[in-house]
PDB file of N, CA and C in Angstrom:
ATOM      1  N   UNK A   1      13.432  70.841   3.279  1.00  0.00           N
ATOM      2  CA  UNK A   1      13.115  70.519   1.888  1.00  0.00           C
ATOM      3  C   UNK A   1      13.831  71.489   0.946  1.00  0.00           C
ATOM      4  N   UNK A   2      13.657  72.767   1.201  1.00  0.00           N
ATOM      5  CA  UNK A   2      14.269  73.772   0.315  1.00  0.00           C
ATOM      6  C   UNK A   2      15.796  73.662   0.363  1.00  0.00           C
ATOM      7  N   UNK A   3      16.330  73.503   1.577  1.00  0.00           N
ATOM      8  CA  UNK A   3      17.788  73.406   1.710  1.00  0.00           C
ATOM      9  C   UNK A   3      18.307  72.182   0.954  1.00  0.00           C
ATOM     10  N   UNK A   4      17.602  71.058   1.092  1.00  0.00           N
ATOM     11  CA  UNK A   4      18.032  69.839   0.395  1.00  0.00           C
ATOM     12  C   UNK A   4      18.009  70.057  -1.114  1.00  0.00           C
ATOM     13  N   UNK A   5      16.956  70.733  -1.585  1.00  0.00           N
ATOM     14  CA  UNK A   5      16.839  70.990  -3.023  1.00  0.00           C
ATOM     15  C   UNK A   5      17.985  71.871  -3.493  1.00  0.00           C
ATOM     16  N   UNK A   6      18.284  72.916  -2.721  1.00  0.00           N
ATOM     17  CA  UNK A   6      19.369  73.822  -3.120  1.00  0.00           C
ATOM     18  C   UNK A   6      20.708  73.093  -3.111  1.00  0.00           C
ATOM     19  N   UNK A   7      20.902  72.230  -2.120  1.00  0.00           N
ATOM     20  CA  UNK A   7      22.158  71.480  -2.039  1.00  0.00           C
ATOM     21  C   UNK A   7      22.298  70.548  -3.242  1.00  0.00           C
ATOM     22  N   UNK A   8      21.226  69.856  -3.579  1.00  0.00           N
ATOM     23  CA  UNK A   8      21.254  68.944  -4.718  1.00  0.00           C
ATOM     24  C   UNK A   8      21.523  69.723  -6.000  1.00  0.00           C
ATOM     25  N   UNK A   9      20.891  70.891  -6.119  1.00  0.00           N
ATOM     26  CA  UNK A   9      21.087  71.712  -7.317  1.00  0.00           C
ATOM     27  C   UNK A   9      22.534  72.188  -7.394  1.00  0.00           C
ATOM     28  N   UNK A  10      23.085  72.610  -6.257  1.00  0.00           N
ATOM     29  CA  UNK A  10      24.469  73.090  -6.222  1.00  0.00           C
ATOM     30  C   UNK A  10      25.416  71.964  -6.622  1.00  0.00           C
ATOM     31  N   UNK A  11      25.161  70.751  -6.114  1.00  0.00           N
ATOM     32  CA  UNK A  11      26.022  69.614  -6.459  1.00  0.00           C
ATOM     33  C   UNK A  11      25.942  69.323  -7.955  1.00  0.00           C
ATOM     34  N   UNK A  12      24.748  69.379  -8.521  1.00  0.00           N
ATOM     35  CA  UNK A  12      24.584  69.122  -9.954  1.00  0.00           C
ATOM     36  C   UNK A  12      25.323  70.184 -10.752  1.00  0.00           C
ATOM     37  N   UNK A  13      25.202  71.431 -10.319  1.00  0.00           N
ATOM     38  CA  UNK A  13      25.853  72.536 -11.026  1.00  0.00           C
ATOM     39  C   UNK A  13      27.360  72.351 -10.979  1.00  0.00           C
ATOM     40  N   UNK A  14      27.889  71.989  -9.816  1.00  0.00           N
ATOM     41  CA  UNK A  14      29.339  71.814  -9.706  1.00  0.00           C
ATOM     42  C   UNK A  14      29.807  70.690 -10.612  1.00  0.00           C
ATOM     43  N   UNK A  15      29.071  69.581 -10.641  1.00  0.00           N
ATOM     44  CA  UNK A  15      29.455  68.456 -11.509  1.00  0.00           C
ATOM     45  C   UNK A  15      29.441  68.902 -12.966  1.00  0.00           C
ATOM     46  N   UNK A  16      28.426  69.663 -13.349  1.00  0.00           N
ATOM     47  CA  UNK A  16      28.321  70.122 -14.735  1.00  0.00           C
ATOM     48  C   UNK A  16      29.489  71.036 -15.066  1.00  0.00           C
ATOM     49  N   UNK A  17      29.793  71.963 -14.156  1.00  0.00           N
ATOM     50  CA  UNK A  17      30.895  72.901 -14.394  1.00  0.00           C
ATOM     51  C   UNK A  17      32.207  72.138 -14.501  1.00  0.00           C
ATOM     52  N   UNK A  18      32.426  71.180 -13.605  1.00  0.00           N
ATOM     53  CA  UNK A  18      33.667  70.400 -13.636  1.00  0.00           C
ATOM     54  C   UNK A  18      33.812  69.686 -14.974  1.00  0.00           C
ATOM     55  N   UNK A  19      32.724  69.103 -15.458  1.00  0.00           N
ATOM     56  CA  UNK A  19      32.758  68.393 -16.740  1.00  0.00           C
ATOM     57  C   UNK A  19      33.064  69.357 -17.871  1.00  0.00           C
ATOM     58  N   UNK A  20      32.410  70.520 -17.857  1.00  0.00           N
ATOM     59  CA  UNK A  20      32.632  71.513 -18.918  1.00  0.00           C
ATOM     60  C   UNK A  20      34.085  71.981 -18.893  1.00  0.00           C
ATOM     61  N   UNK A  21      34.607  72.216 -17.697  1.00  0.00           N
ATOM     62  CA  UNK A  21      35.998  72.676 -17.574  1.00  0.00           C
ATOM     63  C   UNK A  21      36.949  71.623 -18.122  1.00  0.00           C
ATOM     64  N   UNK A  22      36.693  70.356 -17.807  1.00  0.00           N
ATOM     65  CA  UNK A  22      37.574  69.289 -18.301  1.00  0.00           C
ATOM     66  C   UNK A  22      37.520  69.229 -19.823  1.00  0.00           C
ATOM     67  N   UNK A  23      36.302  69.320 -20.379  1.00  0.00           N
ATOM     68  CA  UNK A  23      36.161  69.272 -21.838  1.00  0.00           C
ATOM     69  C   UNK A  23      36.889  70.458 -22.459  1.00  0.00           C
ATOM     70  N   UNK A  24      36.747  71.627 -21.834  1.00  0.00           N
ATOM     71  CA  UNK A  24      37.386  72.833 -22.368  1.00  0.00           C
ATOM     72  C   UNK A  24      38.904  72.681 -22.335  1.00  0.00           C
ATOM     73  N   UNK A  25      39.430  72.184 -21.215  1.00  0.00           N
ATOM     74  CA  UNK A  25      40.877  72.004 -21.104  1.00  0.00           C
ATOM     75  C   UNK A  25      41.379  71.000 -22.136  1.00  0.00           C
ATOM     76  N   UNK A  26      40.631  69.919 -22.340  1.00  0.00           N
ATOM     77  CA  UNK A  26      41.040  68.910 -23.324  1.00  0.00           C
ATOM     78  C   UNK A  26      41.078  69.519 -24.713  1.00  0.00           C
ATOM     79  N   UNK A  27      40.041  70.264 -25.067  1.00  0.00           N
ATOM     80  CA  UNK A  27      39.973  70.883 -26.387  1.00  0.00           C
ATOM     81  C   UNK A  27      41.097  71.902 -26.538  1.00  0.00           C
ATOM     82  N   UNK A  28      41.379  72.644 -25.482  1.00  0.00           N
ATOM     83  CA  UNK A  28      42.429  73.675 -25.546  1.00  0.00           C
ATOM     84  C   UNK A  28      43.801  73.033 -25.736  1.00  0.00           C
ATOM     85  N   UNK A  29      44.043  71.937 -25.033  1.00  0.00           N
ATOM     86  CA  UNK A  29      45.345  71.274 -25.136  1.00  0.00           C
ATOM     87  C   UNK A  29      45.548  70.657 -26.519  1.00  0.00           C
ATOM     88  N   UNK A  30      44.468  70.268 -27.177  1.00  0.00           N
ATOM     89  CA  UNK A  30      44.604  69.657 -28.501  1.00  0.00           C
ATOM     90  C   UNK A  30      45.113  70.668 -29.518  1.00  0.00           C
ATOM     91  N   UNK A  31      44.805  71.953 -29.316  1.00  0.00           N
ATOM     92  CA  UNK A  31      45.188  72.974 -30.306  1.00  0.00           C
ATOM     93  C   UNK A  31      46.609  73.408 -30.171  1.00  0.00           C
TER      94      UNK A  31
END
């Protein structure tokens, strides 16, 4: 249970980070 929760949390965190990085790169390239 705990391992599954940590894995799900890690996957969510990675998706969030990837999205933030893409948004940051897009904003940076616009300038």
